[in-house]
């Protein structure tokens, strides 16, 4: 009798497990199935009821912050490009400063592309028409970019500190938000925080060195030699 009860219990558990497996299969097929039109509209609007996506953890909380930071990186990239163009003109003729700001422009643009890939990898969509105000955003006020060598370094230093603050803000939100996102925090820490710290240190050193060199009645030779130094970096 006990043998029959045990056999019936095992058979029941097996049938239940099979039913659960079939339920999961049927559920995922239903949840992931959608018409071509709804799939396309969902891709462009970012709104879809499908559970078959790459979104998990706290991406809902940090995605707007990363979007703002992407806009910040693109804005700074174009500002650096304008600075590079300014110092590459025949009037200024500062190839060292042009090289410095061209490099910063390329770096910010590449960082923007990397962040876009990171958002899409996590199931998000980057919308350049939306603007999210946060600590990761930059000021909408257009700075004066036709400046001298020393003030251009000060402007670049301010830019790098803003970008460092934005990356720190995203890292903090990813760790301390209601729904945490350790993967995003790790990505920002590995790819941006250290790099921004090094950039701030380098530009602050440049600004201090050039300020000391310009404490002469005619700093033309000092600026020329400093530009020669930047060309070799």
C-alpha atoms as a PDB file:
ATOM      1  CA  UNK A   1       0.000   0.000   0.000  1.00  0.00           C
ATOM      2  CA  UNK A   2       2.812   2.380   0.921  1.00  0.00           C
ATOM      3  CA  UNK A   3       4.505   1.519  -2.356  1.00  0.00           C
ATOM      4  CA  UNK A   4       1.412   2.515  -4.316  1.00  0.00           C
ATOM      5  CA  UNK A   5       1.129   5.805  -2.396  1.00  0.00           C
ATOM      6  CA  UNK A   6       4.766   6.603  -3.081  1.00  0.00           C
ATOM      7  CA  UNK A   7       4.390   5.745  -6.752  1.00  0.00           C
ATOM      8  CA  UNK A   8       1.275   7.940  -7.028  1.00  0.00           C
ATOM      9  CA  UNK A   9       3.098  10.821  -5.319  1.00  0.00           C
ATOM     10  CA  UNK A  10       6.084  10.574  -7.681  1.00  0.00           C
ATOM     11  CA  UNK A  11       3.766  10.405 -10.693  1.00  0.00           C
ATOM     12  CA  UNK A  12       1.900  13.480  -9.480  1.00  0.00           C
ATOM     13  CA  UNK A  13       5.111  15.465  -8.993  1.00  0.00           C
ATOM     14  CA  UNK A  14       6.294  14.453 -12.462  1.00  0.00           C
ATOM     15  CA  UNK A  15       3.022  15.546 -14.041  1.00  0.00           C
ATOM     16  CA  UNK A  16       3.158  18.844 -12.156  1.00  0.00           C
ATOM     17  CA  UNK A  17       6.743  19.500 -13.253  1.00  0.00           C
ATOM     18  CA  UNK A  18       5.812  18.760 -16.863  1.00  0.00           C
ATOM     19  CA  UNK A  19       2.863  21.110 -16.615  1.00  0.00           C
ATOM     20  CA  UNK A  20       5.094  23.848 -15.197  1.00  0.00           C
ATOM     21  CA  UNK A  21       7.620  23.367 -18.001  1.00  0.00           C
ATOM     22  CA  UNK A  22       4.885  23.626 -20.602  1.00  0.00           C
ATOM     23  CA  UNK A  23       3.455  26.691 -18.829  1.00  0.00           C
ATOM     24  CA  UNK A  24       6.823  28.482 -18.928  1.00  0.00           C
ATOM     25  CA  UNK A  25       7.266  27.619 -22.580  1.00  0.00           C
ATOM     26  CA  UNK A  26       3.782  28.769 -23.503  1.00  0.00           C
ATOM     27  CA  UNK A  27       4.130  31.935 -21.433  1.00  0.00           C
ATOM     28  CA  UNK A  28       7.380  33.027 -23.031  1.00  0.00           C
ATOM     29  CA  UNK A  29       6.038  32.334 -26.502  1.00  0.00           C
ATOM     30  CA  UNK A  30       2.968  34.439 -25.785  1.00  0.00           C
ATOM     31  CA  UNK A  31       4.916  37.211 -24.080  1.00  0.00           C
ATOM     32  CA  UNK A  32       7.514  37.509 -26.816  1.00  0.00           C
ATOM     33  CA  UNK A  33       5.103  37.252 -29.714  1.00  0.00           C
ATOM     34  CA  UNK A  34       4.104  40.556 -31.300  1.00  0.00           C
ATOM     35  CA  UNK A  35       3.199  41.834 -34.706  1.00  0.00           C
ATOM     36  CA  UNK A  36       5.820  43.409 -36.924  1.00  0.00           C
ATOM     37  CA  UNK A  37       4.148  46.808 -36.617  1.00  0.00           C
ATOM     38  CA  UNK A  38       4.033  46.772 -32.821  1.00  0.00           C
ATOM     39  CA  UNK A  39       7.633  45.589 -32.673  1.00  0.00           C
ATOM     40  CA  UNK A  40       8.766  48.478 -34.865  1.00  0.00           C
ATOM     41  CA  UNK A  41       6.751  51.098 -32.988  1.00  0.00           C
ATOM     42  CA  UNK A  42       7.986  49.698 -29.694  1.00  0.00           C
ATOM     43  CA  UNK A  43      11.585  49.963 -30.881  1.00  0.00           C
ATOM     44  CA  UNK A  44      11.281  53.629 -31.815  1.00  0.00           C
ATOM     45  CA  UNK A  45       9.129  54.722 -28.878  1.00  0.00           C
ATOM     46  CA  UNK A  46      10.753  52.588 -26.217  1.00  0.00           C
ATOM     47  CA  UNK A  47       7.359  51.309 -25.077  1.00  0.00           C
ATOM     48  CA  UNK A  48       6.617  47.616 -25.301  1.00  0.00           C
ATOM     49  CA  UNK A  49       4.756  45.103 -23.183  1.00  0.00           C
ATOM     50  CA  UNK A  50       7.108  42.271 -24.056  1.00  0.00           C
ATOM     51  CA  UNK A  51       9.125  40.717 -21.240  1.00  0.00           C
ATOM     52  CA  UNK A  52      11.681  39.480 -23.757  1.00  0.00           C
ATOM     53  CA  UNK A  53      14.118  42.356 -23.314  1.00  0.00           C
ATOM     54  CA  UNK A  54      17.521  43.032 -21.779  1.00  0.00           C
ATOM     55  CA  UNK A  55      16.261  45.322 -18.998  1.00  0.00           C
ATOM     56  CA  UNK A  56      16.974  44.265 -15.431  1.00  0.00           C
ATOM     57  CA  UNK A  57      18.084  45.605 -12.038  1.00  0.00           C
ATOM     58  CA  UNK A  58      17.826  49.409 -11.688  1.00  0.00           C
ATOM     59  CA  UNK A  59      18.177  50.418 -15.341  1.00  0.00           C
ATOM     60  CA  UNK A  60      14.885  52.332 -15.097  1.00  0.00           C
ATOM     61  CA  UNK A  61      16.447  54.681 -12.533  1.00  0.00           C
ATOM     62  CA  UNK A  62      19.848  55.277 -14.125  1.00  0.00           C
ATOM     63  CA  UNK A  63      18.893  55.336 -17.806  1.00  0.00           C
ATOM     64  CA  UNK A  64      17.771  59.022 -17.765  1.00  0.00           C
ATOM     65  CA  UNK A  65      21.009  59.960 -15.986  1.00  0.00           C
ATOM     66  CA  UNK A  66      23.122  58.145 -18.578  1.00  0.00           C
ATOM     67  CA  UNK A  67      21.095  59.830 -21.342  1.00  0.00           C
ATOM     68  CA  UNK A  68      21.922  63.216 -19.822  1.00  0.00           C
ATOM     69  CA  UNK A  69      25.584  62.242 -19.585  1.00  0.00           C
ATOM     70  CA  UNK A  70      25.650  61.210 -23.251  1.00  0.00           C
ATOM     71  CA  UNK A  71      24.327  64.651 -24.175  1.00  0.00           C
ATOM     72  CA  UNK A  72      26.995  66.208 -21.951  1.00  0.00           C
ATOM     73  CA  UNK A  73      29.773  64.247 -23.639  1.00  0.00           C
ATOM     74  CA  UNK A  74      28.554  65.223 -27.104  1.00  0.00           C
ATOM     75  CA  UNK A  75      28.272  68.889 -26.099  1.00  0.00           C
ATOM     76  CA  UNK A  76      31.802  68.946 -24.714  1.00  0.00           C
ATOM     77  CA  UNK A  77      33.095  67.120 -27.775  1.00  0.00           C
ATOM     78  CA  UNK A  78      31.862  69.895 -30.063  1.00  0.00           C
ATOM     79  CA  UNK A  79      33.153  72.600 -27.716  1.00  0.00           C
ATOM     80  CA  UNK A  80      36.613  71.036 -27.743  1.00  0.00           C
ATOM     81  CA  UNK A  81      36.434  70.767 -31.515  1.00  0.00           C
ATOM     82  CA  UNK A  82      35.716  74.495 -31.754  1.00  0.00           C
ATOM     83  CA  UNK A  83      38.652  75.219 -29.443  1.00  0.00           C
ATOM     84  CA  UNK A  84      40.904  73.060 -31.621  1.00  0.00           C
ATOM     85  CA  UNK A  85      39.752  74.922 -34.716  1.00  0.00           C
ATOM     86  CA  UNK A  86      40.343  78.265 -32.989  1.00  0.00           C
ATOM     87  CA  UNK A  87      43.966  77.451 -32.166  1.00  0.00           C
ATOM     88  CA  UNK A  88      44.577  75.887 -35.591  1.00  0.00           C
ATOM     89  CA  UNK A  89      43.847  79.133 -37.429  1.00  0.00           C
ATOM     90  CA  UNK A  90      46.672  81.047 -39.075  1.00  0.00           C
ATOM     91  CA  UNK A  91      46.191  83.916 -36.589  1.00  0.00           C
ATOM     92  CA  UNK A  92      46.684  81.796 -33.468  1.00  0.00           C
ATOM     93  CA  UNK A  93      48.915  79.073 -34.956  1.00  0.00           C
ATOM     94  CA  UNK A  94      49.162  76.946 -31.824  1.00  0.00           C
ATOM     95  CA  UNK A  95      49.493  73.335 -33.048  1.00  0.00           C
ATOM     96  CA  UNK A  96      50.155  72.068 -29.512  1.00  0.00           C
ATOM     97  CA  UNK A  97      46.893  73.457 -28.151  1.00  0.00           C
ATOM     98  CA  UNK A  98      45.108  72.265 -31.281  1.00  0.00           C
ATOM     99  CA  UNK A  99      46.397  68.736 -30.652  1.00  0.00           C
ATOM    100  CA  UNK A 100      45.307  68.840 -26.994  1.00  0.00           C
ATOM    101  CA  UNK A 101      41.732  69.938 -27.711  1.00  0.00           C
ATOM    102  CA  UNK A 102      41.348  67.710 -30.765  1.00  0.00           C
ATOM    103  CA  UNK A 103      42.285  64.749 -28.579  1.00  0.00           C
ATOM    104  CA  UNK A 104      39.759  65.741 -25.912  1.00  0.00           C
ATOM    105  CA  UNK A 105      37.083  66.165 -28.581  1.00  0.00           C
ATOM    106  CA  UNK A 106      37.742  62.712 -30.040  1.00  0.00           C
ATOM    107  CA  UNK A 107      37.751  61.145 -26.580  1.00  0.00           C
ATOM    108  CA  UNK A 108      34.398  62.677 -25.602  1.00  0.00           C
ATOM    109  CA  UNK A 109      32.844  61.575 -28.888  1.00  0.00           C
ATOM    110  CA  UNK A 110      34.134  58.020 -28.458  1.00  0.00           C
ATOM    111  CA  UNK A 111      32.827  58.008 -24.870  1.00  0.00           C
ATOM    112  CA  UNK A 112      29.407  59.031 -26.194  1.00  0.00           C
ATOM    113  CA  UNK A 113      29.370  56.123 -28.633  1.00  0.00           C
ATOM    114  CA  UNK A 114      30.438  53.718 -25.870  1.00  0.00           C
ATOM    115  CA  UNK A 115      27.643  54.946 -23.586  1.00  0.00           C
ATOM    116  CA  UNK A 116      25.071  54.561 -26.365  1.00  0.00           C
ATOM    117  CA  UNK A 117      26.223  50.959 -26.845  1.00  0.00           C
ATOM    118  CA  UNK A 118      25.987  50.376 -23.099  1.00  0.00           C
ATOM    119  CA  UNK A 119      22.407  51.691 -22.934  1.00  0.00           C
ATOM    120  CA  UNK A 120      21.268  49.614 -25.910  1.00  0.00           C
ATOM    121  CA  UNK A 121      23.000  46.538 -24.459  1.00  0.00           C
ATOM    122  CA  UNK A 122      20.870  46.982 -21.349  1.00  0.00           C
ATOM    123  CA  UNK A 123      17.686  47.205 -23.412  1.00  0.00           C
ATOM    124  CA  UNK A 124      17.383  50.997 -23.489  1.00  0.00           C
ATOM    125  CA  UNK A 125      16.926  53.495 -26.291  1.00  0.00           C
ATOM    126  CA  UNK A 126      18.800  56.794 -26.615  1.00  0.00           C
ATOM    127  CA  UNK A 127      16.487  59.680 -27.470  1.00  0.00           C
ATOM    128  CA  UNK A 128      18.399  62.842 -28.362  1.00  0.00           C
ATOM    129  CA  UNK A 129      15.176  64.864 -28.511  1.00  0.00           C
ATOM    130  CA  UNK A 130      14.528  64.459 -24.777  1.00  0.00           C
ATOM    131  CA  UNK A 131      16.379  66.380 -22.089  1.00  0.00           C
ATOM    132  CA  UNK A 132      16.699  65.203 -18.505  1.00  0.00           C
ATOM    133  CA  UNK A 133      18.004  67.739 -15.981  1.00  0.00           C
ATOM    134  CA  UNK A 134      20.385  66.146 -13.499  1.00  0.00           C
ATOM    135  CA  UNK A 135      23.870  66.454 -12.073  1.00  0.00           C
ATOM    136  CA  UNK A 136      25.044  64.588 -15.179  1.00  0.00           C
ATOM    137  CA  UNK A 137      23.778  67.415 -17.423  1.00  0.00           C
ATOM    138  CA  UNK A 138      25.812  70.375 -18.593  1.00  0.00           C
ATOM    139  CA  UNK A 139      24.795  74.013 -18.642  1.00  0.00           C
ATOM    140  CA  UNK A 140      22.826  75.161 -21.681  1.00  0.00           C
ATOM    141  CA  UNK A 141      24.711  78.479 -21.593  1.00  0.00           C
ATOM    142  CA  UNK A 142      27.125  78.710 -24.526  1.00  0.00           C
ATOM    143  CA  UNK A 143      30.643  79.562 -23.330  1.00  0.00           C
ATOM    144  CA  UNK A 144      32.947  81.970 -25.123  1.00  0.00           C
ATOM    145  CA  UNK A 145      35.402  79.759 -26.963  1.00  0.00           C
ATOM    146  CA  UNK A 146      37.555  82.421 -28.649  1.00  0.00           C
ATOM    147  CA  UNK A 147      39.869  82.796 -25.685  1.00  0.00           C
ATOM    148  CA  UNK A 148      43.618  82.955 -25.073  1.00  0.00           C
ATOM    149  CA  UNK A 149      45.761  79.967 -24.220  1.00  0.00           C
ATOM    150  CA  UNK A 150      45.538  80.211 -20.423  1.00  0.00           C
ATOM    151  CA  UNK A 151      41.781  80.795 -20.324  1.00  0.00           C
ATOM    152  CA  UNK A 152      41.251  77.917 -22.737  1.00  0.00           C
ATOM    153  CA  UNK A 153      42.980  75.597 -20.275  1.00  0.00           C
ATOM    154  CA  UNK A 154      40.777  76.909 -17.475  1.00  0.00           C
ATOM    155  CA  UNK A 155      37.701  76.306 -19.628  1.00  0.00           C
ATOM    156  CA  UNK A 156      38.821  72.763 -20.451  1.00  0.00           C
ATOM    157  CA  UNK A 157      39.493  72.091 -16.762  1.00  0.00           C
ATOM    158  CA  UNK A 158      35.960  73.219 -15.892  1.00  0.00           C
ATOM    159  CA  UNK A 159      34.593  70.937 -18.598  1.00  0.00           C
ATOM    160  CA  UNK A 160      36.495  67.914 -17.301  1.00  0.00           C
ATOM    161  CA  UNK A 161      35.347  68.559 -13.745  1.00  0.00           C
ATOM    162  CA  UNK A 162      31.728  68.720 -14.970  1.00  0.00           C
ATOM    163  CA  UNK A 163      32.142  65.402 -16.781  1.00  0.00           C
ATOM    164  CA  UNK A 164      33.773  63.857 -13.710  1.00  0.00           C
ATOM    165  CA  UNK A 165      30.866  65.082 -11.559  1.00  0.00           C
ATOM    166  CA  UNK A 166      28.374  63.602 -14.029  1.00  0.00           C
ATOM    167  CA  UNK A 167      30.063  60.200 -13.986  1.00  0.00           C
ATOM    168  CA  UNK A 168      30.179  60.279 -10.177  1.00  0.00           C
ATOM    169  CA  UNK A 169      26.470  61.105 -10.046  1.00  0.00           C
ATOM    170  CA  UNK A 170      25.565  58.118 -12.257  1.00  0.00           C
ATOM    171  CA  UNK A 171      27.755  55.832 -10.142  1.00  0.00           C
ATOM    172  CA  UNK A 172      26.095  57.083  -6.951  1.00  0.00           C
ATOM    173  CA  UNK A 173      22.578  56.645  -8.346  1.00  0.00           C
ATOM    174  CA  UNK A 174      23.390  53.139  -9.552  1.00  0.00           C
ATOM    175  CA  UNK A 175      24.581  52.126  -6.081  1.00  0.00           C
ATOM    176  CA  UNK A 176      22.219  54.002  -3.759  1.00  0.00           C
ATOM    177  CA  UNK A 177      18.950  54.098  -5.717  1.00  0.00           C
ATOM    178  CA  UNK A 178      15.905  52.118  -4.538  1.00  0.00           C
ATOM    179  CA  UNK A 179      16.615  49.545  -7.239  1.00  0.00           C
ATOM    180  CA  UNK A 180      20.380  49.262  -7.541  1.00  0.00           C
ATOM    181  CA  UNK A 181      22.281  48.581 -10.749  1.00  0.00           C
ATOM    182  CA  UNK A 182      25.714  47.123  -9.876  1.00  0.00           C
ATOM    183  CA  UNK A 183      26.548  46.385 -13.519  1.00  0.00           C
ATOM    184  CA  UNK A 184      26.117  50.022 -14.548  1.00  0.00           C
ATOM    185  CA  UNK A 185      28.044  51.220 -11.490  1.00  0.00           C
ATOM    186  CA  UNK A 186      30.917  48.875 -12.349  1.00  0.00           C
ATOM    187  CA  UNK A 187      30.914  50.041 -15.980  1.00  0.00           C
ATOM    188  CA  UNK A 188      31.071  53.737 -15.055  1.00  0.00           C
ATOM    189  CA  UNK A 189      33.779  53.115 -12.465  1.00  0.00           C
ATOM    190  CA  UNK A 190      35.943  51.110 -14.843  1.00  0.00           C
ATOM    191  CA  UNK A 191      35.517  53.253 -17.961  1.00  0.00           C
ATOM    192  CA  UNK A 192      35.056  56.854 -16.781  1.00  0.00           C
ATOM    193  CA  UNK A 193      35.907  57.733 -13.173  1.00  0.00           C
ATOM    194  CA  UNK A 194      39.619  56.945 -13.374  1.00  0.00           C
ATOM    195  CA  UNK A 195      39.973  58.463 -16.824  1.00  0.00           C
ATOM    196  CA  UNK A 196      38.262  61.708 -15.783  1.00  0.00           C
ATOM    197  CA  UNK A 197      40.440  61.967 -12.667  1.00  0.00           C
ATOM    198  CA  UNK A 198      43.580  61.701 -14.802  1.00  0.00           C
ATOM    199  CA  UNK A 199      42.285  64.322 -17.233  1.00  0.00           C
ATOM    200  CA  UNK A 200      41.473  66.781 -14.426  1.00  0.00           C
ATOM    201  CA  UNK A 201      44.933  66.271 -12.952  1.00  0.00           C
ATOM    202  CA  UNK A 202      46.663  66.855 -16.292  1.00  0.00           C
ATOM    203  CA  UNK A 203      44.748  70.010 -17.208  1.00  0.00           C
ATOM    204  CA  UNK A 204      45.090  71.505 -13.734  1.00  0.00           C
ATOM    205  CA  UNK A 205      48.850  70.995 -14.015  1.00  0.00           C
ATOM    206  CA  UNK A 206      48.928  72.628 -17.449  1.00  0.00           C
ATOM    207  CA  UNK A 207      46.943  75.637 -16.220  1.00  0.00           C
ATOM    208  CA  UNK A 208      49.177  76.173 -13.190  1.00  0.00           C
ATOM    209  CA  UNK A 209      52.388  75.804 -15.191  1.00  0.00           C
ATOM    210  CA  UNK A 210      51.295  78.236 -17.900  1.00  0.00           C
ATOM    211  CA  UNK A 211      50.037  80.758 -15.340  1.00  0.00           C
ATOM    212  CA  UNK A 212      53.492  80.818 -13.735  1.00  0.00           C
ATOM    213  CA  UNK A 213      55.227  81.124 -17.117  1.00  0.00           C
ATOM    214  CA  UNK A 214      53.090  84.127 -18.044  1.00  0.00           C
ATOM    215  CA  UNK A 215      54.165  86.194 -15.024  1.00  0.00           C
ATOM    216  CA  UNK A 216      56.590  88.182 -17.192  1.00  0.00           C
ATOM    217  CA  UNK A 217      56.188  91.494 -19.040  1.00  0.00           C
ATOM    218  CA  UNK A 218      56.080  89.738 -22.430  1.00  0.00           C
ATOM    219  CA  UNK A 219      54.903  86.104 -22.212  1.00  0.00           C
ATOM    220  CA  UNK A 220      55.039  85.428 -25.969  1.00  0.00           C
ATOM    221  CA  UNK A 221      58.123  83.223 -25.773  1.00  0.00           C
ATOM    222  CA  UNK A 222      56.723  81.353 -22.763  1.00  0.00           C
ATOM    223  CA  UNK A 223      53.489  80.562 -24.601  1.00  0.00           C
ATOM    224  CA  UNK A 224      55.404  79.466 -27.695  1.00  0.00           C
ATOM    225  CA  UNK A 225      57.610  77.091 -25.683  1.00  0.00           C
ATOM    226  CA  UNK A 226      54.604  75.712 -23.816  1.00  0.00           C
ATOM    227  CA  UNK A 227      52.849  75.047 -27.128  1.00  0.00           C
ATOM    228  CA  UNK A 228      55.997  73.227 -28.297  1.00  0.00           C
ATOM    229  CA  UNK A 229      55.788  71.120 -25.135  1.00  0.00           C
ATOM    230  CA  UNK A 230      52.144  70.219 -25.822  1.00  0.00           C
ATOM    231  CA  UNK A 231      53.035  69.042 -29.329  1.00  0.00           C
ATOM    232  CA  UNK A 232      55.359  66.421 -27.832  1.00  0.00           C
ATOM    233  CA  UNK A 233      52.737  65.014 -25.444  1.00  0.00           C
END
